């Protein structure tokens, strides 16, 4: 007997996706198995490890806690969506500051970082560590992840300053 399937429409990494899914399909499995976005890792399926973290409507969420049908109409960014024509500041910073070792938690950590960088609150070691509370990393002790997130903020600020100077140069000659 075939399972009933429901249509979902999502925007994933800027691309509109329309698929039929079984109602019991977790979003993490939809991303990995149906769309081959394997950067979103499955670590526990119980929301304890954070390796499956994505951005869902600009909020960091664990994709193992959401059914694909619940995400219908949502905008999703996975770790694959960070890089465009060049490394995203988060990717650059994780590379520079060795924010990964085995790499298993790295996609989730990067997506948490991307979320934090879009918040208005200042990034302190304490605030970053608080946000990382739902991410299980067995290799780095989190210190390099914290350094990478702070470095990503510096990269963004440097880019913003360069853009501001270029604008002023064009405007005032």
C-alpha atoms as a PDB file:
ATOM      1  CA  UNK A   1       0.000   0.000   0.000  1.00  0.00           C
ATOM      2  CA  UNK A   2       1.501   3.302  -1.082  1.00  0.00           C
ATOM      3  CA  UNK A   3       1.896   6.094   1.448  1.00  0.00           C
ATOM      4  CA  UNK A   4      -0.007   9.285   0.898  1.00  0.00           C
ATOM      5  CA  UNK A   5       2.217  12.143  -0.251  1.00  0.00           C
ATOM      6  CA  UNK A   6       1.749  15.888   0.113  1.00  0.00           C
ATOM      7  CA  UNK A   7       3.133  18.692  -2.061  1.00  0.00           C
ATOM      8  CA  UNK A   8       5.639  21.084  -0.494  1.00  0.00           C
ATOM      9  CA  UNK A   9       7.090  24.217  -2.015  1.00  0.00           C
ATOM     10  CA  UNK A  10      10.298  25.538  -0.498  1.00  0.00           C
ATOM     11  CA  UNK A  11      12.979  27.998  -1.439  1.00  0.00           C
ATOM     12  CA  UNK A  12      16.262  26.280  -0.658  1.00  0.00           C
ATOM     13  CA  UNK A  13      19.529  28.155  -1.089  1.00  0.00           C
ATOM     14  CA  UNK A  14      17.708  30.603  -3.327  1.00  0.00           C
ATOM     15  CA  UNK A  15      16.131  27.957  -5.571  1.00  0.00           C
ATOM     16  CA  UNK A  16      12.417  27.149  -5.595  1.00  0.00           C
ATOM     17  CA  UNK A  17      11.788  23.447  -4.991  1.00  0.00           C
ATOM     18  CA  UNK A  18       8.439  21.681  -5.417  1.00  0.00           C
ATOM     19  CA  UNK A  19       8.207  18.036  -4.342  1.00  0.00           C
ATOM     20  CA  UNK A  20       5.719  15.535  -2.980  1.00  0.00           C
ATOM     21  CA  UNK A  21       6.743  14.081   0.386  1.00  0.00           C
ATOM     22  CA  UNK A  22       5.407  11.572   2.852  1.00  0.00           C
ATOM     23  CA  UNK A  23       3.965  13.347   5.887  1.00  0.00           C
ATOM     24  CA  UNK A  24       6.390  11.588   8.256  1.00  0.00           C
ATOM     25  CA  UNK A  25       9.554  12.708   6.402  1.00  0.00           C
ATOM     26  CA  UNK A  26      11.849  14.776   8.590  1.00  0.00           C
ATOM     27  CA  UNK A  27      13.218  17.897   6.953  1.00  0.00           C
ATOM     28  CA  UNK A  28      16.796  16.704   7.490  1.00  0.00           C
ATOM     29  CA  UNK A  29      16.080  13.519   5.518  1.00  0.00           C
ATOM     30  CA  UNK A  30      14.262  15.449   2.798  1.00  0.00           C
ATOM     31  CA  UNK A  31      17.299  17.719   2.389  1.00  0.00           C
ATOM     32  CA  UNK A  32      19.810  14.873   2.391  1.00  0.00           C
ATOM     33  CA  UNK A  33      17.950  12.042   0.673  1.00  0.00           C
ATOM     34  CA  UNK A  34      15.615  13.812  -1.737  1.00  0.00           C
ATOM     35  CA  UNK A  35      17.730  16.872  -2.594  1.00  0.00           C
ATOM     36  CA  UNK A  36      21.238  15.453  -2.037  1.00  0.00           C
ATOM     37  CA  UNK A  37      22.190  18.366   0.249  1.00  0.00           C
ATOM     38  CA  UNK A  38      24.387  16.146   2.372  1.00  0.00           C
ATOM     39  CA  UNK A  39      26.171  18.995   4.145  1.00  0.00           C
ATOM     40  CA  UNK A  40      23.296  18.931   6.614  1.00  0.00           C
ATOM     41  CA  UNK A  41      24.432  16.095   8.861  1.00  0.00           C
ATOM     42  CA  UNK A  42      22.356  13.595  10.812  1.00  0.00           C
ATOM     43  CA  UNK A  43      23.952  13.024  14.169  1.00  0.00           C
ATOM     44  CA  UNK A  44      21.252  11.952  16.568  1.00  0.00           C
ATOM     45  CA  UNK A  45      17.706  12.467  15.182  1.00  0.00           C
ATOM     46  CA  UNK A  46      16.752  13.673  18.682  1.00  0.00           C
ATOM     47  CA  UNK A  47      17.748  17.372  18.510  1.00  0.00           C
ATOM     48  CA  UNK A  48      20.646  16.878  20.902  1.00  0.00           C
ATOM     49  CA  UNK A  49      23.717  17.382  18.680  1.00  0.00           C
ATOM     50  CA  UNK A  50      22.931  20.329  16.364  1.00  0.00           C
ATOM     51  CA  UNK A  51      24.757  18.925  13.330  1.00  0.00           C
ATOM     52  CA  UNK A  52      21.559  19.287  11.283  1.00  0.00           C
ATOM     53  CA  UNK A  53      21.169  23.025  11.965  1.00  0.00           C
ATOM     54  CA  UNK A  54      19.901  25.078   9.030  1.00  0.00           C
ATOM     55  CA  UNK A  55      18.386  28.522   8.623  1.00  0.00           C
ATOM     56  CA  UNK A  56      14.613  28.334   8.281  1.00  0.00           C
ATOM     57  CA  UNK A  57      13.075  31.740   7.585  1.00  0.00           C
ATOM     58  CA  UNK A  58      16.264  33.318   8.990  1.00  0.00           C
ATOM     59  CA  UNK A  59      16.102  31.330  12.247  1.00  0.00           C
ATOM     60  CA  UNK A  60      18.630  28.674  13.236  1.00  0.00           C
ATOM     61  CA  UNK A  61      16.705  25.420  13.664  1.00  0.00           C
ATOM     62  CA  UNK A  62      17.556  21.758  13.980  1.00  0.00           C
ATOM     63  CA  UNK A  63      16.121  20.168  10.864  1.00  0.00           C
ATOM     64  CA  UNK A  64      15.636  16.815  12.604  1.00  0.00           C
ATOM     65  CA  UNK A  65      12.847  18.400  14.675  1.00  0.00           C
ATOM     66  CA  UNK A  66      10.720  19.546  11.746  1.00  0.00           C
ATOM     67  CA  UNK A  67       8.706  17.575   9.246  1.00  0.00           C
ATOM     68  CA  UNK A  68       9.196  18.550   5.618  1.00  0.00           C
ATOM     69  CA  UNK A  69       5.460  19.275   5.305  1.00  0.00           C
ATOM     70  CA  UNK A  70       5.707  21.716   8.234  1.00  0.00           C
ATOM     71  CA  UNK A  71       8.309  23.694   6.289  1.00  0.00           C
ATOM     72  CA  UNK A  72       6.016  24.187   3.302  1.00  0.00           C
ATOM     73  CA  UNK A  73       6.420  27.745   1.994  1.00  0.00           C
ATOM     74  CA  UNK A  74       9.612  28.357   3.967  1.00  0.00           C
ATOM     75  CA  UNK A  75      12.927  29.816   2.897  1.00  0.00           C
ATOM     76  CA  UNK A  76      15.808  27.543   3.858  1.00  0.00           C
ATOM     77  CA  UNK A  77      19.556  28.001   3.763  1.00  0.00           C
ATOM     78  CA  UNK A  78      21.822  25.001   4.234  1.00  0.00           C
ATOM     79  CA  UNK A  79      25.591  25.014   4.535  1.00  0.00           C
ATOM     80  CA  UNK A  80      25.764  24.553   0.759  1.00  0.00           C
ATOM     81  CA  UNK A  81      23.960  27.874   0.392  1.00  0.00           C
ATOM     82  CA  UNK A  82      26.624  29.873   2.216  1.00  0.00           C
ATOM     83  CA  UNK A  83      29.176  29.890  -0.602  1.00  0.00           C
ATOM     84  CA  UNK A  84      28.324  31.896  -3.672  1.00  0.00           C
ATOM     85  CA  UNK A  85      31.103  33.196  -5.956  1.00  0.00           C
ATOM     86  CA  UNK A  86      33.626  33.104  -3.116  1.00  0.00           C
ATOM     87  CA  UNK A  87      33.895  31.779   0.423  1.00  0.00           C
ATOM     88  CA  UNK A  88      31.316  33.145   2.814  1.00  0.00           C
ATOM     89  CA  UNK A  89      32.906  35.023   5.751  1.00  0.00           C
ATOM     90  CA  UNK A  90      31.901  32.141   8.027  1.00  0.00           C
ATOM     91  CA  UNK A  91      33.673  29.604   5.804  1.00  0.00           C
ATOM     92  CA  UNK A  92      36.728  31.836   5.520  1.00  0.00           C
ATOM     93  CA  UNK A  93      36.864  32.346   9.295  1.00  0.00           C
ATOM     94  CA  UNK A  94      36.456  28.643  10.104  1.00  0.00           C
ATOM     95  CA  UNK A  95      39.343  27.932   7.741  1.00  0.00           C
ATOM     96  CA  UNK A  96      41.537  30.701   9.174  1.00  0.00           C
ATOM     97  CA  UNK A  97      40.837  29.934  12.840  1.00  0.00           C
ATOM     98  CA  UNK A  98      40.720  26.127  12.594  1.00  0.00           C
ATOM     99  CA  UNK A  99      37.097  26.045  13.692  1.00  0.00           C
ATOM    100  CA  UNK A 100      36.826  22.400  12.766  1.00  0.00           C
ATOM    101  CA  UNK A 101      38.692  19.194  13.326  1.00  0.00           C
ATOM    102  CA  UNK A 102      36.796  16.066  12.398  1.00  0.00           C
ATOM    103  CA  UNK A 103      34.265  18.275  10.598  1.00  0.00           C
ATOM    104  CA  UNK A 104      31.141  16.446  11.672  1.00  0.00           C
ATOM    105  CA  UNK A 105      29.610  19.353  13.616  1.00  0.00           C
ATOM    106  CA  UNK A 106      31.034  21.985  11.260  1.00  0.00           C
ATOM    107  CA  UNK A 107      27.942  22.483   9.052  1.00  0.00           C
ATOM    108  CA  UNK A 108      25.758  23.016  12.110  1.00  0.00           C
ATOM    109  CA  UNK A 109      28.348  25.315  13.686  1.00  0.00           C
ATOM    110  CA  UNK A 110      28.615  27.341  10.485  1.00  0.00           C
ATOM    111  CA  UNK A 111      24.864  27.743  10.226  1.00  0.00           C
ATOM    112  CA  UNK A 112      24.679  28.851  13.868  1.00  0.00           C
ATOM    113  CA  UNK A 113      27.466  31.325  13.094  1.00  0.00           C
ATOM    114  CA  UNK A 114      25.581  32.663  10.063  1.00  0.00           C
ATOM    115  CA  UNK A 115      22.520  33.111  12.252  1.00  0.00           C
ATOM    116  CA  UNK A 116      24.490  34.911  14.989  1.00  0.00           C
ATOM    117  CA  UNK A 117      26.088  37.259  12.479  1.00  0.00           C
ATOM    118  CA  UNK A 118      22.647  38.408  11.352  1.00  0.00           C
ATOM    119  CA  UNK A 119      21.585  39.353  14.871  1.00  0.00           C
ATOM    120  CA  UNK A 120      21.859  42.871  16.239  1.00  0.00           C
ATOM    121  CA  UNK A 121      23.365  41.757  19.546  1.00  0.00           C
ATOM    122  CA  UNK A 122      27.104  42.153  20.110  1.00  0.00           C
ATOM    123  CA  UNK A 123      29.137  38.969  19.797  1.00  0.00           C
ATOM    124  CA  UNK A 124      30.951  38.226  23.023  1.00  0.00           C
ATOM    125  CA  UNK A 125      32.596  34.957  23.974  1.00  0.00           C
ATOM    126  CA  UNK A 126      29.779  34.418  26.463  1.00  0.00           C
ATOM    127  CA  UNK A 127      26.955  35.121  23.992  1.00  0.00           C
ATOM    128  CA  UNK A 128      28.536  32.881  21.355  1.00  0.00           C
ATOM    129  CA  UNK A 129      29.043  30.047  23.843  1.00  0.00           C
ATOM    130  CA  UNK A 130      25.438  30.418  24.972  1.00  0.00           C
ATOM    131  CA  UNK A 131      24.207  30.002  21.376  1.00  0.00           C
ATOM    132  CA  UNK A 132      26.525  27.020  20.841  1.00  0.00           C
ATOM    133  CA  UNK A 133      24.903  25.258  23.795  1.00  0.00           C
ATOM    134  CA  UNK A 134      22.819  23.048  21.483  1.00  0.00           C
ATOM    135  CA  UNK A 135      25.800  21.967  19.354  1.00  0.00           C
ATOM    136  CA  UNK A 136      27.799  18.891  20.274  1.00  0.00           C
ATOM    137  CA  UNK A 137      31.463  19.122  19.287  1.00  0.00           C
ATOM    138  CA  UNK A 138      33.742  16.380  20.516  1.00  0.00           C
ATOM    139  CA  UNK A 139      36.984  17.636  18.993  1.00  0.00           C
ATOM    140  CA  UNK A 140      37.614  21.363  19.395  1.00  0.00           C
ATOM    141  CA  UNK A 141      36.410  22.216  22.861  1.00  0.00           C
ATOM    142  CA  UNK A 142      34.551  25.066  21.130  1.00  0.00           C
ATOM    143  CA  UNK A 143      37.398  27.567  21.574  1.00  0.00           C
ATOM    144  CA  UNK A 144      38.306  27.652  17.881  1.00  0.00           C
ATOM    145  CA  UNK A 145      34.642  27.773  16.889  1.00  0.00           C
ATOM    146  CA  UNK A 146      34.187  30.865  19.083  1.00  0.00           C
ATOM    147  CA  UNK A 147      37.320  32.409  17.537  1.00  0.00           C
ATOM    148  CA  UNK A 148      36.025  31.615  14.042  1.00  0.00           C
ATOM    149  CA  UNK A 149      32.669  33.262  14.686  1.00  0.00           C
ATOM    150  CA  UNK A 150      34.370  36.383  16.018  1.00  0.00           C
ATOM    151  CA  UNK A 151      36.704  36.390  12.992  1.00  0.00           C
ATOM    152  CA  UNK A 152      33.724  36.080  10.631  1.00  0.00           C
ATOM    153  CA  UNK A 153      32.292  39.224  12.225  1.00  0.00           C
ATOM    154  CA  UNK A 154      35.638  40.998  11.654  1.00  0.00           C
ATOM    155  CA  UNK A 155      35.642  39.924   7.996  1.00  0.00           C
ATOM    156  CA  UNK A 156      32.106  41.270   7.533  1.00  0.00           C
ATOM    157  CA  UNK A 157      33.009  44.533   9.273  1.00  0.00           C
ATOM    158  CA  UNK A 158      36.149  44.897   7.119  1.00  0.00           C
ATOM    159  CA  UNK A 159      34.096  44.302   3.970  1.00  0.00           C
ATOM    160  CA  UNK A 160      31.477  46.825   5.083  1.00  0.00           C
ATOM    161  CA  UNK A 161      34.211  49.409   5.755  1.00  0.00           C
ATOM    162  CA  UNK A 162      35.746  48.832   2.309  1.00  0.00           C
ATOM    163  CA  UNK A 163      32.326  49.215   0.685  1.00  0.00           C
ATOM    164  CA  UNK A 164      31.721  52.420   2.625  1.00  0.00           C
ATOM    165  CA  UNK A 165      35.077  53.844   1.561  1.00  0.00           C
ATOM    166  CA  UNK A 166      34.464  52.903  -2.084  1.00  0.00           C
ATOM    167  CA  UNK A 167      31.057  54.589  -1.970  1.00  0.00           C
ATOM    168  CA  UNK A 168      32.550  57.730  -0.427  1.00  0.00           C
ATOM    169  CA  UNK A 169      35.317  57.740  -3.046  1.00  0.00           C
ATOM    170  CA  UNK A 170      32.787  57.525  -5.906  1.00  0.00           C
ATOM    171  CA  UNK A 171      30.529  60.143  -4.320  1.00  0.00           C
ATOM    172  CA  UNK A 172      33.173  62.692  -3.357  1.00  0.00           C
ATOM    173  CA  UNK A 173      35.839  61.838  -5.906  1.00  0.00           C
END
